[in-house]
Structures are given as C-alpha cells and as structure tokens.
N, C-alpha and C. Protein backbone atom coordinates (compact mmCIF):
# COMPACT_ATOMS: atom_id res chain seq x y z
N MET A 1 2.64 -81.66 32.50
CA MET A 1 3.38 -80.48 32.90
C MET A 1 2.56 -79.72 33.94
N ARG A 2 3.17 -79.37 35.04
CA ARG A 2 2.50 -78.60 36.08
C ARG A 2 2.86 -77.13 35.98
N TYR A 3 1.91 -76.30 36.31
CA TYR A 3 2.10 -74.86 36.25
C TYR A 3 2.25 -74.31 37.66
N PHE A 4 3.32 -73.56 37.89
CA PHE A 4 3.56 -72.92 39.18
C PHE A 4 3.54 -71.41 38.96
N PRO A 5 2.45 -70.77 39.31
CA PRO A 5 2.36 -69.33 39.06
C PRO A 5 3.37 -68.55 39.89
N ALA A 6 3.92 -67.51 39.29
CA ALA A 6 4.88 -66.66 39.98
C ALA A 6 4.18 -65.73 40.96
N MET A 7 2.96 -65.35 40.65
CA MET A 7 2.19 -64.45 41.52
C MET A 7 0.78 -65.01 41.67
N SER A 8 0.23 -64.82 42.85
CA SER A 8 -1.15 -65.23 43.06
C SER A 8 -2.08 -64.18 42.43
N LYS A 9 -3.32 -64.54 42.28
CA LYS A 9 -4.30 -63.59 41.74
C LYS A 9 -4.37 -62.35 42.63
N VAL A 10 -4.36 -62.55 43.94
CA VAL A 10 -4.41 -61.42 44.88
C VAL A 10 -3.21 -60.51 44.68
N GLU A 11 -2.03 -61.10 44.51
CA GLU A 11 -0.82 -60.29 44.30
C GLU A 11 -0.90 -59.51 43.00
N ILE A 12 -1.42 -60.14 41.97
CA ILE A 12 -1.56 -59.44 40.68
C ILE A 12 -2.50 -58.25 40.83
N ILE A 13 -3.63 -58.46 41.48
CA ILE A 13 -4.61 -57.38 41.67
C ILE A 13 -4.01 -56.25 42.50
N GLU A 14 -3.22 -56.59 43.50
CA GLU A 14 -2.59 -55.56 44.33
C GLU A 14 -1.58 -54.73 43.54
N GLU A 15 -0.97 -55.31 42.53
CA GLU A 15 0.04 -54.62 41.73
C GLU A 15 -0.57 -53.73 40.64
N LEU A 16 -1.80 -53.97 40.26
CA LEU A 16 -2.41 -53.22 39.15
C LEU A 16 -2.35 -51.70 39.32
N PRO A 17 -2.65 -51.15 40.51
CA PRO A 17 -2.59 -49.69 40.65
C PRO A 17 -1.19 -49.11 40.44
N LYS A 18 -0.17 -49.92 40.54
CA LYS A 18 1.20 -49.45 40.39
C LYS A 18 1.64 -49.36 38.93
N LEU A 19 0.84 -49.90 38.03
CA LEU A 19 1.19 -49.90 36.62
C LEU A 19 0.96 -48.52 36.00
N THR A 20 1.68 -48.24 34.95
CA THR A 20 1.48 -47.00 34.21
C THR A 20 0.18 -47.12 33.41
N PRO A 21 -0.38 -45.99 32.97
CA PRO A 21 -1.57 -46.07 32.12
C PRO A 21 -1.35 -46.93 30.88
N ALA A 22 -0.18 -46.84 30.28
CA ALA A 22 0.11 -47.64 29.09
C ALA A 22 0.12 -49.14 29.42
N GLU A 23 0.67 -49.49 30.57
CA GLU A 23 0.70 -50.89 30.98
C GLU A 23 -0.71 -51.41 31.26
N ARG A 24 -1.54 -50.56 31.90
CA ARG A 24 -2.92 -50.97 32.17
C ARG A 24 -3.70 -51.13 30.86
N GLU A 25 -3.45 -50.25 29.90
CA GLU A 25 -4.11 -50.37 28.59
C GLU A 25 -3.70 -51.66 27.90
N GLU A 26 -2.44 -52.03 28.01
CA GLU A 26 -1.97 -53.29 27.43
C GLU A 26 -2.72 -54.47 28.04
N ILE A 27 -2.93 -54.43 29.34
CA ILE A 27 -3.66 -55.50 30.02
C ILE A 27 -5.12 -55.51 29.58
N ARG A 28 -5.75 -54.32 29.49
CA ARG A 28 -7.15 -54.25 29.03
C ARG A 28 -7.29 -54.85 27.63
N LEU A 29 -6.36 -54.52 26.75
CA LEU A 29 -6.42 -55.05 25.39
C LEU A 29 -6.26 -56.56 25.37
N LYS A 30 -5.37 -57.08 26.19
CA LYS A 30 -5.17 -58.53 26.24
C LYS A 30 -6.41 -59.22 26.79
N LEU A 31 -7.02 -58.65 27.84
CA LEU A 31 -8.24 -59.23 28.39
C LEU A 31 -9.38 -59.20 27.37
N ALA A 32 -9.48 -58.09 26.64
CA ALA A 32 -10.52 -57.99 25.60
C ALA A 32 -10.28 -59.03 24.52
N GLU A 33 -9.02 -59.25 24.19
CA GLU A 33 -8.68 -60.26 23.19
C GLU A 33 -9.08 -61.66 23.68
N LEU A 34 -8.84 -61.93 24.95
CA LEU A 34 -9.16 -63.24 25.51
C LEU A 34 -10.65 -63.45 25.72
N ASP A 35 -11.34 -62.39 26.17
CA ASP A 35 -12.74 -62.50 26.55
C ASP A 35 -13.71 -62.02 25.49
N GLY A 36 -13.22 -61.47 24.42
CA GLY A 36 -14.11 -60.92 23.41
C GLY A 36 -14.70 -59.61 23.90
N ASN A 37 -15.86 -59.28 23.40
CA ASN A 37 -16.49 -58.01 23.75
C ASN A 37 -17.49 -58.13 24.89
N ASP A 38 -17.38 -59.16 25.68
CA ASP A 38 -18.34 -59.40 26.76
C ASP A 38 -17.89 -58.80 28.08
N TRP A 39 -17.44 -57.55 28.06
CA TRP A 39 -16.96 -56.92 29.30
C TRP A 39 -18.10 -56.67 30.27
N LEU A 40 -19.24 -56.33 29.78
CA LEU A 40 -20.39 -56.06 30.65
C LEU A 40 -21.58 -56.78 30.04
N ASP A 41 -21.81 -57.99 30.50
CA ASP A 41 -22.89 -58.78 29.93
C ASP A 41 -23.92 -59.09 31.01
N GLU A 42 -24.77 -60.03 30.75
CA GLU A 42 -25.85 -60.36 31.68
C GLU A 42 -25.34 -60.86 33.02
N ASP A 43 -24.12 -61.38 33.06
CA ASP A 43 -23.55 -61.85 34.32
C ASP A 43 -23.02 -60.71 35.17
N ASP A 44 -22.94 -59.50 34.62
CA ASP A 44 -22.38 -58.36 35.33
C ASP A 44 -23.20 -57.11 35.02
N PRO A 45 -24.47 -57.10 35.43
CA PRO A 45 -25.33 -55.96 35.10
C PRO A 45 -24.99 -54.73 35.94
N LEU A 46 -25.51 -53.60 35.51
CA LEU A 46 -25.35 -52.38 36.29
C LEU A 46 -26.10 -52.51 37.60
N THR A 47 -25.55 -51.89 38.63
CA THR A 47 -26.26 -51.85 39.91
C THR A 47 -27.39 -50.84 39.77
N PRO A 48 -28.38 -50.88 40.66
CA PRO A 48 -29.45 -49.87 40.61
C PRO A 48 -28.90 -48.44 40.73
N ASP A 49 -27.88 -48.23 41.56
CA ASP A 49 -27.29 -46.89 41.70
C ASP A 49 -26.61 -46.45 40.40
N GLU A 50 -25.90 -47.37 39.73
CA GLU A 50 -25.24 -47.03 38.47
C GLU A 50 -26.28 -46.70 37.40
N LYS A 51 -27.36 -47.49 37.36
CA LYS A 51 -28.42 -47.23 36.38
C LYS A 51 -29.08 -45.89 36.65
N ALA A 52 -29.34 -45.57 37.91
CA ALA A 52 -29.96 -44.29 38.26
C ALA A 52 -29.06 -43.13 37.86
N LEU A 53 -27.75 -43.27 38.09
CA LEU A 53 -26.81 -42.22 37.71
C LEU A 53 -26.81 -42.01 36.20
N LEU A 54 -26.75 -43.10 35.45
CA LEU A 54 -26.80 -42.98 33.99
C LEU A 54 -28.10 -42.35 33.51
N ASP A 55 -29.22 -42.79 34.09
CA ASP A 55 -30.52 -42.23 33.71
C ASP A 55 -30.58 -40.73 33.97
N SER A 56 -30.05 -40.29 35.12
CA SER A 56 -30.10 -38.87 35.46
C SER A 56 -29.20 -38.06 34.53
N ARG A 57 -28.06 -38.61 34.17
CA ARG A 57 -27.15 -37.90 33.26
C ARG A 57 -27.71 -37.83 31.84
N ILE A 58 -28.37 -38.89 31.41
CA ILE A 58 -29.01 -38.87 30.09
C ILE A 58 -30.13 -37.84 30.08
N ALA A 59 -30.94 -37.81 31.14
CA ALA A 59 -32.03 -36.84 31.23
C ALA A 59 -31.49 -35.41 31.22
N ALA A 60 -30.40 -35.16 31.95
CA ALA A 60 -29.80 -33.83 31.98
C ALA A 60 -29.30 -33.43 30.60
N HIS A 61 -28.71 -34.38 29.89
CA HIS A 61 -28.22 -34.09 28.53
C HIS A 61 -29.39 -33.80 27.59
N GLU A 62 -30.45 -34.60 27.69
CA GLU A 62 -31.60 -34.39 26.81
C GLU A 62 -32.26 -33.04 27.09
N LYS A 63 -32.22 -32.60 28.34
CA LYS A 63 -32.81 -31.32 28.71
C LYS A 63 -31.97 -30.15 28.17
N ASN A 64 -30.66 -30.33 28.15
CA ASN A 64 -29.77 -29.25 27.72
C ASN A 64 -28.59 -29.83 26.93
N PRO A 65 -28.83 -30.28 25.70
CA PRO A 65 -27.76 -30.92 24.92
C PRO A 65 -26.61 -29.99 24.57
N GLY A 66 -26.82 -28.70 24.68
CA GLY A 66 -25.76 -27.74 24.36
C GLY A 66 -24.59 -27.78 25.33
N THR A 67 -24.76 -28.43 26.47
CA THR A 67 -23.67 -28.50 27.44
C THR A 67 -22.69 -29.62 27.12
N ALA A 68 -23.02 -30.46 26.16
CA ALA A 68 -22.13 -31.57 25.79
C ALA A 68 -20.91 -31.05 25.05
N ILE A 69 -19.82 -31.81 25.14
CA ILE A 69 -18.61 -31.46 24.40
C ILE A 69 -18.21 -32.66 23.53
N PRO A 70 -17.50 -32.41 22.44
CA PRO A 70 -17.06 -33.52 21.59
C PRO A 70 -16.08 -34.43 22.34
N TRP A 71 -16.04 -35.70 21.93
CA TRP A 71 -15.16 -36.68 22.58
C TRP A 71 -13.70 -36.21 22.56
N ASP A 72 -13.23 -35.67 21.44
CA ASP A 72 -11.83 -35.23 21.34
C ASP A 72 -11.50 -34.19 22.40
N GLU A 73 -12.43 -33.27 22.63
CA GLU A 73 -12.22 -32.23 23.64
C GLU A 73 -12.20 -32.84 25.04
N PHE A 74 -13.12 -33.75 25.30
CA PHE A 74 -13.14 -34.42 26.60
C PHE A 74 -11.84 -35.16 26.85
N GLU A 75 -11.39 -35.91 25.83
CA GLU A 75 -10.16 -36.69 25.96
C GLU A 75 -8.96 -35.78 26.23
N ALA A 76 -8.88 -34.65 25.53
CA ALA A 76 -7.78 -33.71 25.73
C ALA A 76 -7.81 -33.13 27.14
N ARG A 77 -9.00 -32.77 27.62
CA ARG A 77 -9.12 -32.25 29.00
C ARG A 77 -8.69 -33.29 30.02
N LEU A 78 -9.13 -34.52 29.81
CA LEU A 78 -8.79 -35.60 30.74
C LEU A 78 -7.28 -35.84 30.76
N LYS A 79 -6.65 -35.85 29.60
CA LYS A 79 -5.20 -36.06 29.54
C LYS A 79 -4.45 -34.93 30.23
N ARG A 80 -4.92 -33.69 30.04
CA ARG A 80 -4.28 -32.56 30.74
C ARG A 80 -4.44 -32.72 32.25
N ARG A 81 -5.62 -33.11 32.66
CA ARG A 81 -5.89 -33.27 34.09
C ARG A 81 -5.03 -34.37 34.71
N LEU A 82 -4.81 -35.45 33.94
CA LEU A 82 -4.00 -36.56 34.43
C LEU A 82 -2.51 -36.36 34.18
N GLY A 83 -2.16 -35.27 33.51
CA GLY A 83 -0.76 -34.99 33.25
C GLY A 83 -0.13 -35.87 32.20
N GLU A 84 -0.93 -36.32 31.27
CA GLU A 84 -0.40 -37.20 30.20
C GLU A 84 -0.09 -36.41 28.97
C-alpha cells in the first residue's frame, strides 16, 4: 500500500499559526503521545542565549523571591491577555 500525503510537511507547518489554541493543544498532546516526554533532550539543547536568559531570571528570582506569583495567577493573567 502506498501513502499519498494530502499536505506536505511545509504546508502543515505553514498552517499551524492559523489553528486555534485548542487545536494547537490537541496537536501538542498527540506529539507528546507519539514522542514520549523527550521534547527537549540532548539532541535539542538550549542555545547559549536561552541558557543565559534562564540563568539571569533564576538569579533575579533568588535575589527577590517576593516578586514571584503563583502559577494559577500567571495563567489567569495570560488568558486575560490572550482574550481566552
């Protein structure tokens, strides 16, 4: 049996931004199901810039932990900002 894809990989990637947040979440869950928990493994390390950003944010938090907010509050603010 031969497989004839309806869309190329490039076409699929181009369509991703057009999906709703719920549709993108469905895709993320399916990919996680297929790939397991290896979303960021040794084959896909942080760039030096990403590591530096994380290090600076961790240092800022350790210096002033009182500025942190609970996850629920962050999530609510983000949803309001995104209009969800």
